[in-house]
Amino acid sequence: MKVTDRIEILYPQSEDAKYIAKALREKLLSYRPPRTVAKRAGERSVRDIEDDWLIVICTEDTPRDASITEAVASQIDAGKRNRILTVLASDSPAESFPEALCFEVLEDGTRVEREPLACNIAAGSPAASVRKLNVERLRLLAPMFGVSFDDLMNRRRRSRRAVILAVLFAALTGSFIFFFYALSKVRIMNAQNVRVKEELAKAEASEKEATDEKNAARQALAKSVAIRAKTALEDEDTELSLLLSLEFLQEEAEVPELIEIFDEALKVRCRKGYYPVTTARAYSRTGRKLRGLSELTSTTTCGNAECIRVDDDTEALFAEDPEDITYIYKTYGFDDLIIGLARHGFSVYSAETHELLYHVHDKNTDLANVTPAGTYWNGFIAAALPDGTRRIVVDLMHVYDAETGEYLYEIEDYGQGIVVNKGVAELTKEGYFPLLIGGRLVFLDLRDGSFEDSIYSVGRTVFYLSGEVEEETGRPTGTVVYMSHFYSSIPSIVWEYNREEIPIPEDLDGKIELAVKLLAGRTLTYTERRNNYLEEGE
């Protein structure tokens, strides 16, 4: 499996190893090194790495895979042993590494034991192993970028340390200003017998000195605010990052750190597709409304459908196998149909005559029905698309034509198997199906299962579609998404959608004018100014 033209992932032929390899490829491509590392290495992502690297997923099957052992031997023969990295995905390391990586035969025939360069993600399941990749991938990336593991691991710690040092430097500078100003006043008081002209000259010199020191302190504060703006952008608060940058740019345009982070934030704000805006609290404070949980189209565990339990009275309405029907579904766009879920599949009836139109029972429905009694189905969705077509989705992966029951296609495996169904699955006005997988929200077009866009928000696993609502169906456009987490202090973040990339001017004045226009009157609050050292306060 290719990551780039220079980086390749090898794995034994098993579904677990393939799943891990696919997740590793995605995490390597999405990683961006800290600015200091990127500047030192000259590489801003793995796509810029020019050396050849081989990554081997090691399980008990790896030493027996002829294609892997042959590729490893070829890399070693080419003198690139140090560019072979391994990912240990098994609890038995002694049985998982290819022999050629564990031993080296020198020119004189001596057999020397070697320890493979490896990261350990062994866990109880493939899903748990993938979660460990969030940190362990840094052990693979460090040698690729030519830095140490700590250089990549400690970036936020260094950022906080830099903020503290900048604040201390600003405070120390202010102390020196006060000291020199007081000293000049003492000297003036002790020079009462000096001619008036000399006293005036000394006063003017003292005033100029204080002004220079004040300008130096403001310059130091601007650099400190640049660090805060960078942290805000890393925390997905693009608006706060732009506002902090603008606070000084119009007066202190010569601060390169501030210009650099301002350019980064403006690129995020103007890119095509979804971009992070700000915290939900700040978003609502400016008059922009967010839809909450109580406003969603449904809060049942039946997805976007109305779920009705079958009882003795309703069983008689269905002529075929009524004892197997556990739930009846009614949902928007399906007024002429009734969908019943049973232990062995799903049935579709005429809503008017209750005639059985068709029944579907296959391996997909067996996997979706997670309890023997058929009391719960995983990821069952009935969706009426804007173009008039209707789909039935089973297990969040398998799509059927609701008119005939014909199996149409399988949605690409984004890891739906490890999803905890949040109980509400909305369809946007445009017909896109939002599918939450871990921390990534993927938007799919149910007409053909194609990928539209995705959102990745660190630590946030709950989403609400909060765009403009279509009056007839109650569906939002999906142009505003609210990412949250019920069990964490991480602030909620609002994402918006750009249908097209917004052109950015070349000159700084043009960029500032564009940023002010995009912020649409949003300004820093007193609390935001105080928290970022722009106001004095307790």
Protein backbone atom coordinates (compact mmCIF):
# COMPACT_ATOMS: atom_id res chain seq x y z
CA MET A 1 0.00 0.00 0.00
CA LYS A 2 1.54 3.28 -1.12
CA VAL A 3 1.50 6.30 1.20
CA THR A 4 3.53 8.40 -1.26
CA ASP A 5 5.86 7.53 -4.14
CA ARG A 6 8.65 7.24 -1.53
CA ILE A 7 6.82 5.56 1.34
CA GLU A 8 5.19 2.11 1.21
CA ILE A 9 3.31 0.07 3.81
CA LEU A 10 3.54 -3.75 3.68
CA TYR A 11 1.13 -5.97 5.62
CA PRO A 12 0.20 -9.68 5.71
CA GLN A 13 -2.98 -10.79 3.98
CA SER A 14 -5.52 -10.47 6.78
CA GLU A 15 -8.47 -8.14 7.31
CA ASP A 16 -7.10 -6.85 10.65
CA ALA A 17 -3.69 -6.01 9.13
CA LYS A 18 -5.34 -4.34 6.13
CA TYR A 19 -7.54 -2.26 8.44
CA ILE A 20 -4.51 -1.12 10.48
CA ALA A 21 -2.50 -0.33 7.33
CA LYS A 22 -5.32 1.79 5.91
CA ALA A 23 -5.71 3.76 9.17
CA LEU A 24 -1.90 4.24 9.40
CA ARG A 25 -1.79 5.61 5.84
CA GLU A 26 -4.50 8.16 6.65
CA LYS A 27 -2.83 9.28 9.89
CA LEU A 28 0.57 9.70 8.17
CA LEU A 29 -0.91 11.78 5.36
CA SER A 30 -2.90 14.01 7.73
CA TYR A 31 0.03 14.77 10.06
CA ARG A 32 1.67 18.20 9.97
CA PRO A 33 4.93 18.62 11.93
CA PRO A 34 5.48 21.59 14.26
CA ARG A 35 6.71 24.71 12.49
CA THR A 36 10.19 24.44 14.04
CA VAL A 37 10.55 20.84 12.85
CA ALA A 38 9.25 21.68 9.37
CA LYS A 39 11.70 24.59 9.09
CA ARG A 40 14.64 22.45 10.22
CA ALA A 41 13.80 19.45 8.02
CA GLY A 42 12.51 21.46 5.05
CA GLU A 43 9.44 19.19 4.89
CA ARG A 44 5.89 20.25 5.81
CA SER A 45 4.30 16.82 5.41
CA VAL A 46 5.16 13.22 4.50
CA ARG A 47 4.48 14.12 0.85
CA ASP A 48 7.68 16.21 0.90
CA ILE A 49 9.92 13.35 2.14
CA GLU A 50 12.39 12.42 -0.62
CA ASP A 51 14.02 9.30 0.89
CA ASP A 52 12.63 5.80 0.33
CA TRP A 53 11.00 4.27 3.45
CA LEU A 54 9.45 0.86 4.00
CA ILE A 55 6.91 0.34 6.82
CA VAL A 56 6.07 -3.27 7.77
CA ILE A 57 2.95 -4.23 9.81
CA CYS A 58 4.23 -7.13 11.97
CA THR A 59 1.91 -9.90 13.17
CA GLU A 60 2.44 -13.67 13.55
CA ASP A 61 1.62 -13.95 9.80
CA THR A 62 4.31 -11.49 8.67
CA PRO A 63 7.40 -13.81 8.75
CA ARG A 64 5.47 -16.32 6.61
CA ASP A 65 4.49 -13.78 3.94
CA ALA A 66 6.90 -14.31 1.01
CA SER A 67 6.18 -10.93 -0.60
CA ILE A 68 7.06 -9.08 2.63
CA THR A 69 10.25 -11.02 3.33
CA GLU A 70 11.35 -10.54 -0.29
CA ALA A 71 10.72 -6.75 -0.13
CA VAL A 72 12.57 -6.48 3.20
CA ALA A 73 15.54 -8.44 1.84
CA SER A 74 15.66 -6.22 -1.26
CA GLN A 75 15.68 -3.05 0.89
CA ILE A 76 18.50 -4.45 3.06
CA ASP A 77 20.53 -5.52 0.00
CA ALA A 78 20.21 -1.94 -1.26
CA GLY A 79 21.89 -0.73 1.94
CA LYS A 80 18.68 0.80 3.34
CA ARG A 81 18.23 -1.26 6.52
CA ASN A 82 17.92 1.95 8.55
CA ARG A 83 14.96 3.00 6.38
CA ILE A 84 12.85 0.00 7.32
CA LEU A 85 10.34 0.79 10.09
CA THR A 86 8.07 -1.74 11.76
CA VAL A 87 4.65 -1.52 13.46
CA LEU A 88 4.23 -4.29 16.04
CA ALA A 89 0.54 -5.25 16.08
CA SER A 90 0.92 -8.54 17.95
CA ASP A 91 1.55 -9.50 21.58
CA SER A 92 4.23 -11.96 20.37
CA PRO A 93 7.14 -9.85 19.11
CA ALA A 94 9.52 -12.80 18.90
CA GLU A 95 7.22 -14.45 16.34
CA SER A 96 6.20 -11.33 14.42
CA PHE A 97 9.37 -9.75 12.97
CA PRO A 98 10.92 -11.05 9.70
CA GLU A 99 14.21 -12.83 10.43
CA ALA A 100 16.16 -10.48 8.14
CA LEU A 101 15.29 -7.55 10.44
CA CYS A 102 16.31 -9.37 13.62
CA PHE A 103 19.71 -10.63 12.38
CA GLU A 104 22.37 -9.21 10.09
CA VAL A 105 25.11 -11.27 8.43
CA LEU A 106 28.33 -9.25 8.16
CA GLU A 107 30.87 -9.60 5.32
CA ASP A 108 33.00 -11.99 7.40
CA GLY A 109 29.99 -14.25 7.96
CA THR A 110 29.33 -13.13 11.52
CA ARG A 111 25.63 -13.21 12.46
CA VAL A 112 24.74 -10.14 14.54
CA GLU A 113 21.44 -9.67 16.35
CA ARG A 114 19.60 -6.42 15.51
CA GLU A 115 16.62 -4.73 17.13
CA PRO A 116 14.12 -3.52 14.48
CA LEU A 117 13.03 0.14 14.58
CA ALA A 118 9.42 -0.36 15.77
CA CYS A 119 6.38 1.27 17.30
CA ASN A 120 4.17 -0.95 19.46
CA ILE A 121 0.39 -0.81 18.93
CA ALA A 122 -0.43 -4.30 20.22
CA ALA A 123 -3.89 -4.24 21.82
CA GLY A 124 -6.95 -6.35 22.32
CA SER A 125 -8.57 -5.39 18.99
CA PRO A 126 -7.70 -3.70 15.67
CA ALA A 127 -9.77 -0.67 16.73
CA ALA A 128 -7.75 -0.31 19.94
CA SER A 129 -4.51 -0.67 17.94
CA VAL A 130 -5.60 2.14 15.60
CA ARG A 131 -6.29 4.44 18.55
CA LYS A 132 -2.71 3.92 19.77
CA LEU A 133 -1.45 5.12 16.38
CA ASN A 134 -2.32 8.71 17.33
CA VAL A 135 0.86 8.75 19.45
CA GLU A 136 2.86 5.81 18.08
CA ARG A 137 2.88 7.23 14.55
CA LEU A 138 5.31 9.88 15.87
CA ARG A 139 7.93 7.09 16.35
CA LEU A 140 7.67 6.41 12.60
CA LEU A 141 7.59 10.07 11.56
CA ALA A 142 10.56 11.15 13.72
CA PRO A 143 13.26 9.28 11.68
CA MET A 144 11.53 10.27 8.42
CA PHE A 145 11.82 13.97 9.32
CA GLY A 146 15.28 13.41 10.81
CA VAL A 147 14.31 14.52 14.34
CA SER A 148 13.78 12.88 17.72
CA PHE A 149 10.49 11.55 19.07
CA ASP A 150 10.45 14.33 21.74
CA ASP A 151 10.71 17.02 19.03
CA LEU A 152 7.29 15.90 17.74
CA MET A 153 5.69 14.88 21.06
CA ASN A 154 6.32 18.07 23.06
CA ARG A 155 5.10 20.75 20.66
CA ARG A 156 2.21 22.00 22.82
CA ARG A 157 4.44 22.04 25.90
CA ARG A 158 6.95 24.20 24.03
CA SER A 159 4.17 26.47 22.85
CA ARG A 160 2.93 27.06 26.41
CA ARG A 161 6.50 27.62 27.61
CA ALA A 162 7.02 30.18 24.85
CA VAL A 163 3.87 32.04 25.91
CA ILE A 164 5.02 32.17 29.55
CA LEU A 165 8.50 33.39 28.58
CA ALA A 166 7.02 36.07 26.33
CA VAL A 167 4.77 37.32 29.15
CA LEU A 168 7.67 37.36 31.61
CA PHE A 169 9.77 39.25 29.08
CA ALA A 170 7.00 41.84 28.63
CA ALA A 171 6.67 42.24 32.41
CA LEU A 172 10.44 42.60 32.82
CA THR A 173 10.56 45.20 30.05
CA GLY A 174 7.80 47.18 31.76
CA SER A 175 9.75 47.07 35.02
CA PHE A 176 12.80 48.48 33.32
CA ILE A 177 10.67 51.27 31.82
CA PHE A 178 9.40 52.22 35.25
CA PHE A 179 12.90 52.00 36.75
CA PHE A 180 14.53 54.25 34.17
CA TYR A 181 11.61 56.67 34.25
CA ALA A 182 11.83 56.95 38.06
CA LEU A 183 15.62 57.28 37.89
CA SER A 184 15.33 60.15 35.42
CA LYS A 185 12.86 61.93 37.71
CA VAL A 186 15.23 61.58 40.69
CA ARG A 187 18.04 63.00 38.63
CA ILE A 188 15.85 65.97 37.64
CA MET A 189 14.94 66.62 41.30
CA ASN A 190 18.63 66.47 42.34
CA ALA A 191 19.59 68.94 39.59
CA GLN A 192 17.52 71.93 40.80
CA ASN A 193 20.55 74.25 40.62
CA VAL A 194 21.13 73.47 36.95
CA ARG A 195 19.94 76.02 34.45
CA VAL A 196 16.32 75.73 33.19
CA LYS A 197 17.51 74.91 29.68
CA GLU A 198 19.48 71.90 30.89
CA GLU A 199 16.48 70.70 32.94
CA LEU A 200 14.24 70.92 29.87
CA ALA A 201 16.79 68.97 27.79
CA LYS A 202 16.98 66.24 30.43
CA ALA A 203 13.16 66.02 30.62
CA GLU A 204 12.90 65.65 26.84
CA ALA A 205 15.59 62.96 26.82
CA SER A 206 13.79 61.07 29.60
CA GLU A 207 10.48 61.24 27.72
CA LYS A 208 12.05 59.88 24.55
CA GLU A 209 13.65 57.04 26.49
CA ALA A 210 10.28 56.11 28.05
CA THR A 211 8.63 56.18 24.63
CA ASP A 212 11.25 53.87 23.18
CA GLU A 213 10.86 51.43 26.04
CA LYS A 214 7.07 51.54 25.69
CA ASN A 215 7.38 50.72 21.98
CA ALA A 216 9.71 47.83 22.80
CA ALA A 217 7.20 46.49 25.33
CA ARG A 218 4.38 46.71 22.76
CA GLN A 219 6.56 44.90 20.23
CA ALA A 220 7.17 42.10 22.76
CA LEU A 221 3.43 41.94 23.51
CA ALA A 222 2.70 41.62 19.77
CA LYS A 223 5.01 38.57 19.59
CA SER A 224 3.29 37.08 22.63
CA VAL A 225 -0.13 37.58 21.02
CA ALA A 226 1.19 35.87 17.86
CA ILE A 227 1.85 32.76 19.97
CA ARG A 228 -1.67 32.96 21.42
CA ALA A 229 -3.12 33.32 17.91
CA LYS A 230 -1.22 30.20 16.80
CA THR A 231 -2.58 28.24 19.77
CA ALA A 232 -6.12 29.40 18.95
CA LEU A 233 -5.75 28.19 15.35
CA GLU A 234 -4.44 24.81 16.54
CA ASP A 235 -7.52 24.60 18.81
CA GLU A 236 -9.75 25.17 15.71
CA ASP A 237 -10.79 28.71 16.74
CA THR A 238 -10.06 30.45 13.41
CA GLU A 239 -12.01 33.60 14.23
CA LEU A 240 -10.13 34.18 17.49
CA SER A 241 -6.80 33.65 15.69
CA LEU A 242 -7.72 36.26 13.05
CA LEU A 243 -8.97 38.76 15.65
CA LEU A 244 -5.80 38.49 17.75
CA SER A 245 -3.65 38.97 14.65
CA LEU A 246 -5.63 42.01 13.50
CA GLU A 247 -5.23 43.63 16.92
CA PHE A 248 -1.60 44.51 16.08
CA LEU A 249 -1.25 44.07 12.31
CA GLN A 250 -2.71 47.45 11.43
CA GLU A 251 -0.11 49.16 13.64
CA GLU A 252 2.72 46.59 13.96
CA ALA A 253 2.91 45.16 10.42
CA GLU A 254 6.65 44.57 10.81
CA VAL A 255 6.12 41.67 13.28
CA PRO A 256 6.84 38.62 11.06
CA GLU A 257 5.47 36.08 13.58
CA LEU A 258 2.09 37.82 13.54
CA ILE A 259 1.95 38.00 9.74
CA GLU A 260 2.80 34.30 9.41
CA ILE A 261 0.02 33.03 11.71
CA PHE A 262 -2.43 35.55 10.19
CA ASP A 263 -1.74 34.09 6.72
CA GLU A 264 -2.28 30.53 8.03
CA ALA A 265 -5.60 31.43 9.68
CA LEU A 266 -6.83 33.27 6.57
CA LYS A 267 -6.01 30.25 4.36
CA VAL A 268 -8.06 27.98 6.67
CA ARG A 269 -10.98 30.46 6.60
CA CYS A 270 -10.95 30.75 2.78
CA ARG A 271 -10.40 27.12 1.76
CA LYS A 272 -13.01 25.17 -0.16
CA GLY A 273 -15.17 22.80 1.92
CA TYR A 274 -15.54 22.73 5.70
CA TYR A 275 -13.42 25.00 7.89
CA PRO A 276 -13.46 25.51 11.72
CA VAL A 277 -15.04 28.84 12.76
CA THR A 278 -14.97 29.29 16.54
CA THR A 279 -16.39 27.91 19.78
CA ALA A 280 -20.16 27.40 19.92
CA ARG A 281 -20.42 29.91 22.74
CA ALA A 282 -18.65 32.65 20.76
CA TYR A 283 -20.64 31.74 17.64
CA SER A 284 -24.00 32.13 19.39
CA ARG A 285 -22.90 35.32 21.15
CA THR A 286 -22.67 37.11 17.79
CA GLY A 287 -26.30 36.38 16.90
CA ARG A 288 -25.65 33.28 14.80
CA LYS A 289 -28.15 30.63 15.89
CA LEU A 290 -27.22 26.98 16.48
CA ARG A 291 -29.76 24.16 16.48
CA GLY A 292 -29.60 22.18 19.72
CA LEU A 293 -30.39 18.55 20.52
CA SER A 294 -34.08 19.31 21.20
CA GLU A 295 -34.49 20.76 17.69
CA LEU A 296 -33.32 17.66 15.81
CA THR A 297 -35.77 15.83 13.53
CA SER A 298 -35.75 12.71 15.72
CA THR A 299 -34.38 11.53 19.05
CA THR A 300 -35.28 7.84 18.78
CA THR A 301 -32.79 5.02 18.28
CA CYS A 302 -34.39 4.39 14.88
CA GLY A 303 -32.31 6.94 12.98
CA ASN A 304 -34.33 9.48 11.00
CA ALA A 305 -37.54 7.40 11.19
CA GLU A 306 -40.54 7.24 13.50
CA CYS A 307 -40.26 3.89 15.32
CA ILE A 308 -43.44 2.05 16.38
CA ARG A 309 -43.37 -1.15 18.42
CA VAL A 310 -45.57 -3.96 17.03
CA ASP A 311 -48.22 -5.14 19.52
CA ASP A 312 -51.07 -7.69 19.39
CA ASP A 313 -53.39 -5.20 17.67
CA THR A 314 -51.02 -4.31 14.86
CA GLU A 315 -49.74 -7.85 14.23
CA ALA A 316 -52.99 -8.76 12.51
CA LEU A 317 -52.42 -6.12 9.85
CA PHE A 318 -49.55 -8.09 8.32
CA ALA A 319 -50.42 -11.30 6.54
CA GLU A 320 -46.99 -12.90 6.26
CA ASP A 321 -44.83 -13.90 9.25
CA PRO A 322 -46.35 -11.34 11.66
CA GLU A 323 -44.70 -13.08 14.61
CA ASP A 324 -41.28 -12.04 13.25
CA ILE A 325 -42.07 -8.36 12.85
CA THR A 326 -40.66 -6.45 15.83
CA TYR A 327 -40.74 -2.80 14.72
CA ILE A 328 -42.61 -0.80 12.09
CA TYR A 329 -40.96 2.31 10.62
CA LYS A 330 -42.57 5.39 9.16
CA THR A 331 -40.39 8.26 7.92
CA TYR A 332 -40.47 11.31 5.63
CA GLY A 333 -40.90 10.44 1.96
CA PHE A 334 -42.22 6.93 2.75
CA ASP A 335 -45.92 7.72 3.29
CA ASP A 336 -46.91 4.96 0.85
CA LEU A 337 -44.75 2.30 2.53
CA ILE A 338 -44.36 0.64 5.91
CA ILE A 339 -40.99 -0.89 6.77
CA GLY A 340 -40.85 -3.76 9.25
CA LEU A 341 -37.70 -5.07 10.95
CA ALA A 342 -37.60 -8.71 11.95
CA ARG A 343 -35.08 -11.22 13.28
CA HIS A 344 -34.04 -12.38 9.79
CA GLY A 345 -34.29 -9.22 7.66
CA PHE A 346 -36.60 -6.40 6.75
CA SER A 347 -39.96 -6.35 4.92
CA VAL A 348 -41.67 -3.56 2.99
CA TYR A 349 -45.49 -3.35 2.90
CA SER A 350 -48.00 -1.15 1.16
CA ALA A 351 -49.19 1.45 3.67
CA GLU A 352 -52.71 1.35 2.20
CA THR A 353 -53.37 -2.40 1.83
CA HIS A 354 -50.61 -3.83 4.09
CA GLU A 355 -49.67 -6.12 1.20
CA LEU A 356 -46.12 -7.51 1.44
CA LEU A 357 -44.16 -5.96 -1.46
CA TYR A 358 -40.85 -7.68 -0.83
CA HIS A 359 -38.68 -9.19 1.90
CA VAL A 360 -34.86 -8.92 2.18
CA HIS A 361 -32.85 -11.46 4.13
CA ASP A 362 -29.13 -11.80 3.34
CA LYS A 363 -25.76 -11.81 5.09
CA ASN A 364 -25.91 -8.03 5.47
CA THR A 365 -29.17 -8.07 7.43
CA ASP A 366 -27.84 -10.92 9.59
CA LEU A 367 -24.85 -8.79 10.59
CA ALA A 368 -26.95 -5.67 11.19
CA ASN A 369 -29.36 -7.43 13.55
CA VAL A 370 -27.29 -7.55 16.73
CA THR A 371 -29.69 -9.37 19.07
CA PRO A 372 -31.30 -12.82 18.58
CA ALA A 373 -34.78 -11.48 19.26
CA GLY A 374 -34.42 -8.76 16.63
CA THR A 375 -34.99 -5.99 19.18
CA TYR A 376 -32.18 -3.75 17.95
CA TRP A 377 -30.76 -3.02 14.52
CA ASN A 378 -27.39 -1.35 14.01
CA GLY A 379 -27.29 1.57 11.58
CA PHE A 380 -30.68 1.11 9.82
CA ILE A 381 -31.63 4.22 7.81
CA ALA A 382 -34.55 4.92 5.45
CA ALA A 383 -33.83 7.99 3.34
CA ALA A 384 -35.84 9.88 0.69
CA LEU A 385 -33.36 11.81 -1.48
CA PRO A 386 -34.06 15.27 -2.98
CA ASP A 387 -34.18 13.83 -6.54
CA GLY A 388 -37.10 11.52 -5.62
CA THR A 389 -35.12 8.28 -5.28
CA ARG A 390 -35.37 6.34 -2.00
CA ARG A 391 -32.73 4.28 -0.28
CA ILE A 392 -32.57 1.81 2.61
CA VAL A 393 -29.19 1.56 4.38
CA VAL A 394 -28.30 -1.47 6.50
CA ASP A 395 -25.38 -1.53 8.94
CA LEU A 396 -24.33 1.96 7.71
CA MET A 397 -22.66 0.24 4.73
CA HIS A 398 -25.09 -1.66 2.49
CA VAL A 399 -27.52 0.31 0.31
CA TYR A 400 -30.75 -1.05 -1.20
CA ASP A 401 -33.34 0.42 -3.59
CA ALA A 402 -36.42 1.07 -1.44
CA GLU A 403 -38.73 0.55 -4.42
CA THR A 404 -37.62 -3.01 -5.28
CA GLY A 405 -35.33 -4.19 -2.46
CA GLU A 406 -32.49 -4.57 -5.00
CA TYR A 407 -29.00 -4.40 -3.48
CA LEU A 408 -27.25 -1.40 -5.11
CA TYR A 409 -23.78 -0.94 -3.67
CA GLU A 410 -21.59 -1.02 -0.55
CA ILE A 411 -20.43 2.25 1.01
CA GLU A 412 -16.66 2.38 1.29
CA ASP A 413 -15.43 1.07 4.65
CA TYR A 414 -14.43 4.14 6.65
CA GLY A 415 -14.44 2.07 9.85
CA GLN A 416 -18.22 2.01 10.39
CA GLY A 417 -17.80 -1.27 12.27
CA ILE A 418 -16.42 0.57 15.31
CA VAL A 419 -19.03 3.35 15.34
CA VAL A 420 -21.30 3.79 18.34
CA ASN A 421 -24.66 4.78 16.83
CA LYS A 422 -25.58 8.15 18.38
CA GLY A 423 -29.26 7.52 17.70
CA VAL A 424 -29.88 10.35 15.21
CA ALA A 425 -28.90 10.24 11.55
CA GLU A 426 -29.97 13.29 9.58
CA LEU A 427 -29.99 13.71 5.81
CA THR A 428 -29.05 17.15 4.53
CA LYS A 429 -31.20 19.12 2.10
CA GLU A 430 -28.65 18.35 -0.62
CA GLY A 431 -29.04 14.61 0.02
CA TYR A 432 -25.74 14.07 1.83
CA PHE A 433 -25.59 11.45 4.58
CA PRO A 434 -23.37 12.45 7.54
CA LEU A 435 -21.61 9.40 9.00
CA LEU A 436 -19.68 9.85 12.28
CA ILE A 437 -16.68 7.53 12.54
CA GLY A 438 -14.62 8.14 15.68
CA GLY A 439 -13.73 11.82 15.54
CA ARG A 440 -14.23 12.15 11.75
CA LEU A 441 -17.56 13.21 10.23
CA VAL A 442 -17.81 11.93 6.63
CA PHE A 443 -20.45 13.26 4.19
CA LEU A 444 -21.64 10.75 1.56
CA ASP A 445 -23.96 11.08 -1.44
CA LEU A 446 -26.44 8.21 -1.05
CA ARG A 447 -27.25 8.22 -4.75
CA ASP A 448 -23.97 6.45 -5.50
CA GLY A 449 -22.07 6.33 -2.19
CA SER A 450 -19.50 8.90 -3.36
CA PHE A 451 -17.45 10.98 -0.89
CA GLU A 452 -18.42 14.66 -0.61
CA ASP A 453 -16.32 16.06 2.27
CA SER A 454 -15.26 15.33 5.85
CA ILE A 455 -14.56 17.06 9.16
CA TYR A 456 -11.98 16.02 11.76
CA SER A 457 -12.33 17.77 15.13
CA VAL A 458 -9.98 16.59 17.89
CA GLY A 459 -11.75 15.15 20.93
CA ARG A 460 -15.29 15.89 19.67
CA THR A 461 -17.53 12.92 18.89
CA VAL A 462 -21.06 14.41 18.72
CA PHE A 463 -22.37 16.48 15.80
CA TYR A 464 -25.44 18.56 14.97
CA LEU A 465 -26.30 19.88 11.51
CA SER A 466 -27.16 23.54 12.11
CA GLY A 467 -27.51 25.06 8.63
CA GLU A 468 -30.63 26.75 7.21
CA VAL A 469 -33.63 24.41 7.57
CA GLU A 470 -35.83 23.41 4.62
CA GLU A 471 -39.40 24.21 5.73
CA GLU A 472 -41.14 21.24 4.07
CA THR A 473 -38.84 18.46 5.27
CA GLY A 474 -37.17 20.03 8.31
CA ARG A 475 -33.76 19.15 6.84
CA PRO A 476 -30.82 21.53 7.36
CA THR A 477 -28.51 22.37 4.45
CA GLY A 478 -25.50 21.02 6.32
CA THR A 479 -23.52 24.23 5.70
CA VAL A 480 -23.08 24.71 9.47
CA VAL A 481 -21.98 21.81 11.69
CA TYR A 482 -21.69 21.90 15.47
CA MET A 483 -19.07 19.45 16.88
CA SER A 484 -19.26 18.67 20.60
CA HIS A 485 -18.57 16.06 23.28
CA PHE A 486 -20.98 15.24 26.11
CA TYR A 487 -18.36 13.91 28.53
CA SER A 488 -15.48 16.38 28.19
CA SER A 489 -14.52 19.95 29.06
CA ILE A 490 -13.27 20.46 25.49
CA PRO A 491 -15.23 23.44 24.08
CA SER A 492 -17.66 22.79 21.24
CA ILE A 493 -16.55 24.01 17.80
CA VAL A 494 -18.70 25.27 14.89
CA TRP A 495 -17.69 24.42 11.30
CA GLU A 496 -18.98 26.20 8.19
CA TYR A 497 -18.87 25.24 4.50
CA ASN A 498 -17.35 27.18 1.60
CA ARG A 499 -18.75 25.99 -1.72
CA GLU A 500 -15.79 27.56 -3.49
CA GLU A 501 -12.32 28.66 -2.37
CA ILE A 502 -12.19 32.39 -1.55
CA PRO A 503 -9.33 34.20 -3.40
CA ILE A 504 -6.79 35.80 -1.06
CA PRO A 505 -5.06 39.06 -2.11
CA GLU A 506 -1.26 39.16 -2.37
CA ASP A 507 -0.71 42.38 -0.36
CA LEU A 508 -1.10 42.63 3.42
CA ASP A 509 -3.59 45.52 3.30
CA GLY A 510 -5.83 43.50 0.98
CA LYS A 511 -5.62 40.47 3.29
CA ILE A 512 -6.55 42.61 6.31
CA GLU A 513 -9.53 44.09 4.43
CA LEU A 514 -10.72 40.59 3.44
CA ALA A 515 -10.36 39.26 7.02
CA VAL A 516 -12.39 42.18 8.44
CA LYS A 517 -15.10 41.54 5.84
CA LEU A 518 -15.25 37.80 6.63
CA LEU A 519 -15.48 38.46 10.38
CA ALA A 520 -18.68 40.47 9.66
CA GLY A 521 -18.44 42.75 12.68
CA ARG A 522 -17.17 40.11 15.15
CA THR A 523 -14.80 41.75 17.68
CA LEU A 524 -12.86 40.61 20.73
CA THR A 525 -14.83 40.59 23.98
CA TYR A 526 -13.40 42.04 27.16
CA THR A 527 -12.82 38.52 28.52
CA GLU A 528 -10.99 37.46 25.33
CA ARG A 529 -8.82 40.59 25.48
CA ARG A 530 -7.99 39.99 29.15
CA ASN A 531 -7.24 36.29 28.65
CA ASN A 532 -4.81 37.18 25.88
CA TYR A 533 -2.98 39.97 27.80
CA LEU A 534 -4.64 42.84 25.88
CA GLU A 535 -6.44 44.16 28.99
CA GLU A 536 -5.46 44.40 32.62
CA GLY A 537 -7.58 42.35 35.00
CA GLU A 538 -7.54 40.00 37.93
